[in-house]
Amino acid sequence: MVFRNFTVRLRPEIITFVFISLSAFGLAAEHPVIGSPQAGSHTADEREARAQNFVKEKLQFWQKRLNLGKWEINAQLVRSTSLKPKTLGNIHWDASTMQATIDVQSSYDYKLPFQEMLDDMEFTVVHELVHLQLSSLPRSEASRSAEEHAVNEITQALLNLAKR
């Protein structure tokens, strides 16, 4: 799930793991450029279709970059009523079958300009993929907030590096 604006101290071993993992993700690959039409020039249904295509392209790109090629991962746009409050997406996975589904908030529920919405959707896709990449680590309710913070920081770092 995507939560933002958490302040949590991370243990040094988690930070070390994250930076070693990031170096293994092949961050030198080219980042695809997607056209960014203005929201006002499209109907709500056209905006949703463009957003769905964008999310699928970003999923393919980031799944490859994060070395999750063995996974069968699908992404779908869902209405905000299908998500937990104050979240923009989520991921459900089954490690035994290596299948996962990412839900991303639908364009119908965004109030942002089109390009900002797409950027936010990409953040959500990467965020959920980072959760999947870290899924083998021990988890607990006590570590949930720290994990969200770490995933947000990793996601932002990956997106920043991709724009270089």
Protein backbone atom coordinates (compact mmCIF):
# COMPACT_ATOMS: atom_id res chain seq x y z
CA MET A 1 0.00 0.00 0.00
CA VAL A 2 1.17 3.50 -0.69
CA PHE A 3 1.42 5.72 2.37
CA ARG A 4 3.41 8.91 2.40
CA ASN A 5 4.97 11.24 4.97
CA PHE A 6 6.11 8.78 7.64
CA THR A 7 9.12 9.46 9.86
CA VAL A 8 10.81 6.27 11.04
CA ARG A 9 14.38 5.34 11.95
CA LEU A 10 15.73 2.44 9.91
CA ARG A 11 18.19 -0.08 11.28
CA PRO A 12 21.62 -0.04 9.61
CA GLU A 13 21.24 -3.63 8.36
CA ILE A 14 18.04 -2.70 6.50
CA ILE A 15 19.72 0.29 4.90
CA THR A 16 22.68 -1.87 3.87
CA PHE A 17 20.35 -4.47 2.39
CA VAL A 18 18.47 -1.81 0.44
CA PHE A 19 21.57 -0.24 -1.08
CA ILE A 20 23.09 -3.59 -2.00
CA SER A 21 19.77 -4.58 -3.55
CA LEU A 22 19.53 -1.33 -5.50
CA SER A 23 22.96 -1.86 -6.99
CA ALA A 24 21.83 -5.27 -8.26
CA PHE A 25 18.75 -3.88 -10.04
CA GLY A 26 20.60 -2.68 -13.13
CA LEU A 27 19.76 1.00 -12.78
CA ALA A 28 21.67 1.97 -15.91
CA ALA A 29 18.92 0.79 -18.30
CA GLU A 30 17.11 3.37 -20.40
CA HIS A 31 13.79 4.68 -19.10
CA PRO A 32 10.94 4.70 -21.64
CA VAL A 33 9.30 8.00 -22.45
CA ILE A 34 5.53 8.04 -22.65
CA GLY A 35 3.65 10.90 -24.25
CA SER A 36 1.84 13.15 -21.81
CA PRO A 37 -1.30 14.58 -23.34
CA GLN A 38 -3.26 17.16 -21.43
CA ALA A 39 -6.19 15.87 -19.40
CA GLY A 40 -8.57 18.49 -20.75
CA SER A 41 -8.25 17.18 -24.31
CA HIS A 42 -9.69 13.74 -23.47
CA THR A 43 -12.90 12.32 -22.13
CA ALA A 44 -12.83 10.56 -18.78
CA ASP A 45 -12.97 7.18 -20.54
CA GLU A 46 -10.08 8.10 -22.87
CA ARG A 47 -8.07 9.31 -19.88
CA GLU A 48 -8.72 5.98 -18.13
CA ALA A 49 -7.70 3.96 -21.21
CA ARG A 50 -4.48 5.97 -21.57
CA ALA A 51 -3.75 5.55 -17.85
CA GLN A 52 -4.31 1.78 -18.09
CA ASN A 53 -1.87 1.52 -21.01
CA PHE A 54 0.66 3.67 -19.17
CA VAL A 55 0.42 1.50 -16.03
CA LYS A 56 0.88 -1.70 -18.06
CA GLU A 57 3.95 -0.26 -19.81
CA LYS A 58 5.46 0.91 -16.54
CA LEU A 59 4.77 -2.45 -14.93
CA GLN A 60 6.67 -4.23 -17.72
CA PHE A 61 9.55 -1.77 -17.51
CA TRP A 62 9.92 -1.86 -13.71
CA GLN A 63 9.29 -5.60 -13.41
CA LYS A 64 12.27 -6.16 -15.69
CA ARG A 65 14.40 -3.52 -13.95
CA LEU A 66 13.66 -4.97 -10.50
CA ASN A 67 14.50 -8.48 -11.70
CA LEU A 68 11.00 -9.85 -11.11
CA GLY A 69 10.77 -11.58 -14.49
CA LYS A 70 9.87 -14.96 -13.01
CA TRP A 71 6.68 -13.45 -11.60
CA GLU A 72 3.41 -13.19 -13.49
CA ILE A 73 2.27 -9.72 -12.45
CA ASN A 74 -0.86 -7.93 -13.59
CA ALA A 75 -1.88 -4.36 -12.88
CA GLN A 76 -5.37 -2.98 -12.92
CA LEU A 77 -6.97 0.37 -12.27
CA VAL A 78 -9.54 0.22 -9.49
CA ARG A 79 -11.87 2.74 -7.93
CA SER A 80 -10.74 4.25 -4.64
CA THR A 81 -13.61 2.51 -2.85
CA SER A 82 -11.78 -0.78 -3.55
CA LEU A 83 -8.67 0.43 -1.74
CA LYS A 84 -7.98 0.94 1.94
CA PRO A 85 -8.49 4.53 3.07
CA LYS A 86 -5.57 6.89 2.39
CA THR A 87 -3.92 4.47 -0.05
CA LEU A 88 -3.39 4.75 -3.80
CA GLY A 89 -2.75 1.09 -4.50
CA ASN A 90 -1.94 -2.34 -3.16
CA ILE A 91 -0.45 -5.66 -4.16
CA HIS A 92 -1.53 -9.21 -3.52
CA TRP A 93 0.85 -12.06 -4.26
CA ASP A 94 1.16 -15.80 -4.01
CA ALA A 95 4.80 -16.83 -3.69
CA SER A 96 4.00 -20.48 -4.37
CA THR A 97 2.62 -19.72 -7.84
CA MET A 98 4.70 -16.56 -8.35
CA GLN A 99 1.63 -14.56 -9.32
CA ALA A 100 0.76 -11.05 -8.20
CA THR A 101 -1.84 -8.39 -8.87
CA ILE A 102 -1.29 -4.69 -8.36
CA ASP A 103 -4.28 -2.43 -7.89
CA VAL A 104 -3.72 1.22 -8.80
CA GLN A 105 -6.23 3.97 -8.12
CA SER A 106 -8.30 4.72 -11.22
CA SER A 107 -7.96 7.98 -13.12
CA TYR A 108 -11.64 8.57 -12.39
CA ASP A 109 -10.68 9.22 -8.74
CA TYR A 110 -7.68 11.50 -9.38
CA LYS A 111 -7.93 15.27 -9.18
CA LEU A 112 -4.35 15.86 -10.42
CA PRO A 113 -3.42 17.08 -13.89
CA PHE A 114 -2.84 14.21 -16.33
CA GLN A 115 0.98 14.02 -16.21
CA GLU A 116 1.08 14.37 -12.42
CA MET A 117 -1.49 11.59 -12.19
CA LEU A 118 0.65 9.34 -14.42
CA ASP A 119 3.72 10.10 -12.31
CA ASP A 120 1.78 9.18 -9.19
CA MET A 121 0.56 5.95 -10.80
CA GLU A 122 4.14 5.05 -11.72
CA PHE A 123 5.18 5.69 -8.12
CA THR A 124 2.41 3.31 -7.00
CA VAL A 125 3.51 0.57 -9.41
CA VAL A 126 7.17 0.82 -8.36
CA HIS A 127 6.19 1.02 -4.68
CA GLU A 128 4.16 -2.19 -4.91
CA LEU A 129 6.92 -3.96 -6.85
CA VAL A 130 9.43 -3.03 -4.15
CA HIS A 131 7.06 -4.62 -1.61
CA LEU A 132 7.11 -7.76 -3.75
CA GLN A 133 10.91 -7.68 -4.00
CA LEU A 134 11.12 -7.48 -0.19
CA SER A 135 8.37 -10.04 0.43
CA SER A 136 10.75 -12.74 1.61
CA LEU A 137 11.91 -10.61 4.56
CA PRO A 138 10.27 -11.13 7.96
CA ARG A 139 7.23 -8.91 8.52
CA SER A 140 5.12 -7.96 11.49
CA GLU A 141 2.58 -5.33 12.45
CA ALA A 142 5.32 -3.68 14.50
CA SER A 143 7.57 -3.31 11.42
CA ARG A 144 4.79 -2.23 9.05
CA SER A 145 5.32 1.51 9.41
CA ALA A 146 9.10 1.16 9.05
CA GLU A 147 8.61 -1.01 5.95
CA GLU A 148 6.29 1.56 4.35
CA HIS A 149 8.79 4.31 4.99
CA ALA A 150 11.66 2.25 3.57
CA VAL A 151 9.62 1.23 0.52
CA ASN A 152 8.69 4.88 -0.12
CA GLU A 153 12.34 5.94 0.12
CA ILE A 154 13.52 3.13 -2.17
CA THR A 155 10.76 3.91 -4.66
CA GLN A 156 11.64 7.58 -4.80
CA ALA A 157 15.35 6.77 -5.16
CA LEU A 158 14.64 4.38 -8.05
CA LEU A 159 12.45 6.92 -9.83
CA ASN A 160 15.03 9.68 -9.30
CA LEU A 161 17.82 7.48 -10.67
CA ALA A 162 15.71 6.53 -13.68
CA LYS A 163 15.28 10.20 -14.61
CA ARG A 164 19.03 10.84 -14.79
